[in-house]
Amino acid sequence: MRSFDLSGGQQWEAELGKFIATHGSANSPVIFEDLIIVQNDQDEKSFIAALDKTKGTVRWKTPR
């Protein structure tokens, strides 16, 4: 996952792990206060995580 500013410059990159699925991701991130909440729904090890929207660090992560 990557974050870009309005000029197209990359702000940060976060590695969420290997994605294992027959079809691609249809993730729609949700911004809540200072977090970006993402789902990683796949064939193995699905999870929901919240990343700090300014740094990209994982604030919390839970199995789905």
N, C-alpha and C. Protein backbone atom coordinates (compact mmCIF):
# COMPACT_ATOMS: atom_id res chain seq x y z
N MET A 1 0.85 -1.16 0.00
CA MET A 1 0.00 0.00 0.00
C MET A 1 0.91 1.23 0.00
N ARG A 2 0.48 2.26 -0.74
CA ARG A 2 1.27 3.48 -0.84
C ARG A 2 0.40 4.71 -0.67
N SER A 3 0.99 5.78 -0.17
CA SER A 3 0.31 7.06 -0.03
C SER A 3 1.07 8.10 -0.85
N PHE A 4 0.30 8.93 -1.58
CA PHE A 4 0.88 9.97 -2.41
C PHE A 4 0.28 11.32 -2.04
N ASP A 5 1.06 12.39 -2.20
CA ASP A 5 0.53 13.73 -1.98
C ASP A 5 -0.18 14.20 -3.25
N LEU A 6 -0.77 15.38 -3.23
CA LEU A 6 -1.55 15.87 -4.36
C LEU A 6 -0.69 16.20 -5.59
N SER A 7 0.62 16.28 -5.41
CA SER A 7 1.52 16.52 -6.55
C SER A 7 2.01 15.21 -7.16
N GLY A 8 1.61 14.09 -6.57
CA GLY A 8 2.02 12.78 -7.10
C GLY A 8 3.27 12.22 -6.45
N GLY A 9 3.81 12.90 -5.46
CA GLY A 9 5.00 12.41 -4.76
C GLY A 9 4.62 11.38 -3.70
N GLN A 10 5.38 10.31 -3.66
CA GLN A 10 5.10 9.25 -2.68
C GLN A 10 5.47 9.72 -1.28
N GLN A 11 4.53 9.53 -0.33
CA GLN A 11 4.77 9.91 1.06
C GLN A 11 5.29 8.74 1.87
N TRP A 12 4.68 7.56 1.69
CA TRP A 12 5.12 6.38 2.42
C TRP A 12 4.64 5.12 1.70
N GLU A 13 5.23 4.00 2.07
CA GLU A 13 4.85 2.69 1.54
C GLU A 13 4.79 1.71 2.70
N ALA A 14 3.72 0.90 2.75
CA ALA A 14 3.55 -0.10 3.81
C ALA A 14 3.38 -1.48 3.17
N GLU A 15 4.16 -2.43 3.63
CA GLU A 15 4.07 -3.81 3.14
C GLU A 15 3.05 -4.55 4.00
N LEU A 16 1.98 -5.05 3.37
CA LEU A 16 0.94 -5.76 4.11
C LEU A 16 1.06 -7.28 3.98
N GLY A 17 2.10 -7.74 3.32
CA GLY A 17 2.31 -9.18 3.18
C GLY A 17 1.87 -9.69 1.82
N LYS A 18 2.17 -10.96 1.59
CA LYS A 18 1.84 -11.61 0.33
C LYS A 18 0.32 -11.76 0.19
N PHE A 19 -0.19 -11.49 -1.01
CA PHE A 19 -1.61 -11.62 -1.29
C PHE A 19 -1.84 -12.91 -2.06
N ILE A 20 -2.63 -13.83 -1.50
CA ILE A 20 -2.89 -15.13 -2.11
C ILE A 20 -4.38 -15.27 -2.39
N ALA A 21 -4.76 -15.15 -3.68
CA ALA A 21 -6.16 -15.27 -4.06
C ALA A 21 -6.26 -15.49 -5.57
N THR A 22 -7.34 -16.10 -5.98
CA THR A 22 -7.59 -16.32 -7.40
C THR A 22 -7.86 -15.01 -8.12
N HIS A 23 -8.61 -14.14 -7.47
CA HIS A 23 -8.96 -12.85 -8.04
C HIS A 23 -8.20 -11.75 -7.30
N GLY A 24 -8.14 -10.57 -7.88
CA GLY A 24 -7.43 -9.46 -7.25
C GLY A 24 -8.18 -8.89 -6.07
N SER A 25 -7.54 -7.98 -5.41
CA SER A 25 -8.13 -7.31 -4.25
C SER A 25 -9.18 -6.30 -4.71
N ALA A 26 -10.25 -6.18 -3.95
CA ALA A 26 -11.28 -5.18 -4.22
C ALA A 26 -11.42 -4.29 -2.99
N ASN A 27 -10.32 -3.98 -2.40
CA ASN A 27 -10.26 -3.23 -1.16
C ASN A 27 -10.62 -1.76 -1.37
N SER A 28 -11.45 -1.24 -0.49
CA SER A 28 -11.76 0.19 -0.45
C SER A 28 -11.37 0.72 0.93
N PRO A 29 -10.18 1.33 1.04
CA PRO A 29 -9.74 1.83 2.35
C PRO A 29 -10.72 2.87 2.91
N VAL A 30 -10.80 2.91 4.22
CA VAL A 30 -11.66 3.86 4.92
C VAL A 30 -10.78 4.74 5.80
N ILE A 31 -10.96 6.06 5.70
CA ILE A 31 -10.22 6.98 6.55
C ILE A 31 -11.11 7.32 7.74
N PHE A 32 -10.58 7.11 8.94
CA PHE A 32 -11.28 7.44 10.18
C PHE A 32 -10.30 8.15 11.10
N GLU A 33 -10.56 9.41 11.36
CA GLU A 33 -9.68 10.25 12.18
C GLU A 33 -8.26 10.19 11.62
N ASP A 34 -7.28 9.65 12.35
CA ASP A 34 -5.90 9.62 11.87
C ASP A 34 -5.49 8.24 11.36
N LEU A 35 -6.49 7.40 11.00
CA LEU A 35 -6.23 6.03 10.56
C LEU A 35 -6.74 5.77 9.14
N ILE A 36 -6.08 4.85 8.46
CA ILE A 36 -6.58 4.27 7.22
C ILE A 36 -6.86 2.81 7.54
N ILE A 37 -8.12 2.42 7.44
CA ILE A 37 -8.53 1.06 7.76
C ILE A 37 -8.66 0.29 6.46
N VAL A 38 -7.96 -0.84 6.38
CA VAL A 38 -7.96 -1.66 5.17
C VAL A 38 -8.30 -3.11 5.50
N GLN A 39 -8.94 -3.76 4.56
CA GLN A 39 -9.16 -5.20 4.69
C GLN A 39 -8.23 -5.90 3.71
N ASN A 40 -7.75 -7.05 4.10
CA ASN A 40 -6.93 -7.88 3.22
C ASN A 40 -7.62 -9.24 3.20
N ASP A 41 -8.68 -9.33 2.41
CA ASP A 41 -9.51 -10.53 2.33
C ASP A 41 -8.98 -11.41 1.22
N GLN A 42 -8.46 -12.58 1.57
CA GLN A 42 -7.82 -13.46 0.61
C GLN A 42 -8.02 -14.92 0.99
N ASP A 43 -7.39 -15.82 0.26
CA ASP A 43 -7.55 -17.25 0.52
C ASP A 43 -6.84 -17.71 1.79
N GLU A 44 -5.81 -17.03 2.20
CA GLU A 44 -5.06 -17.38 3.40
C GLU A 44 -4.77 -16.13 4.23
N LYS A 45 -4.86 -16.26 5.53
CA LYS A 45 -4.46 -15.21 6.47
C LYS A 45 -5.08 -13.85 6.20
N SER A 46 -6.40 -13.81 6.05
CA SER A 46 -7.10 -12.54 5.87
C SER A 46 -7.04 -11.73 7.16
N PHE A 47 -7.05 -10.41 7.03
CA PHE A 47 -7.02 -9.55 8.21
C PHE A 47 -7.60 -8.19 7.91
N ILE A 48 -7.87 -7.44 8.97
CA ILE A 48 -8.24 -6.04 8.89
C ILE A 48 -7.17 -5.29 9.68
N ALA A 49 -6.69 -4.17 9.12
CA ALA A 49 -5.63 -3.42 9.79
C ALA A 49 -5.93 -1.92 9.72
N ALA A 50 -5.38 -1.21 10.69
CA ALA A 50 -5.45 0.25 10.70
C ALA A 50 -4.04 0.80 10.65
N LEU A 51 -3.79 1.65 9.66
CA LEU A 51 -2.48 2.26 9.49
C LEU A 51 -2.55 3.74 9.83
N ASP A 52 -1.47 4.26 10.39
CA ASP A 52 -1.35 5.69 10.65
C ASP A 52 -1.34 6.40 9.30
N LYS A 53 -2.23 7.36 9.08
CA LYS A 53 -2.35 7.95 7.75
C LYS A 53 -1.18 8.86 7.38
N THR A 54 -0.37 9.30 8.34
CA THR A 54 0.76 10.16 8.00
C THR A 54 2.07 9.39 7.86
N LYS A 55 2.17 8.22 8.51
CA LYS A 55 3.43 7.45 8.50
C LYS A 55 3.32 6.10 7.80
N GLY A 56 2.11 5.53 7.74
CA GLY A 56 1.93 4.22 7.14
C GLY A 56 2.24 3.06 8.07
N THR A 57 2.51 3.35 9.32
CA THR A 57 2.80 2.28 10.27
C THR A 57 1.50 1.61 10.73
N VAL A 58 1.56 0.31 10.98
CA VAL A 58 0.39 -0.44 11.42
C VAL A 58 0.13 -0.11 12.89
N ARG A 59 -1.06 0.42 13.18
CA ARG A 59 -1.44 0.75 14.56
C ARG A 59 -2.11 -0.44 15.24
N TRP A 60 -2.93 -1.18 14.44
CA TRP A 60 -3.49 -2.43 14.94
C TRP A 60 -3.84 -3.31 13.76
N LYS A 61 -3.90 -4.62 14.05
CA LYS A 61 -4.19 -5.61 13.02
C LYS A 61 -4.89 -6.79 13.69
N THR A 62 -5.96 -7.30 13.06
CA THR A 62 -6.70 -8.42 13.64
C THR A 62 -7.07 -9.41 12.56
N PRO A 63 -7.02 -10.70 12.86
CA PRO A 63 -7.44 -11.70 11.86
C PRO A 63 -8.90 -11.51 11.49
N ARG A 64 -9.22 -11.84 10.27
CA ARG A 64 -10.61 -11.71 9.80
C ARG A 64 -11.31 -13.04 9.90
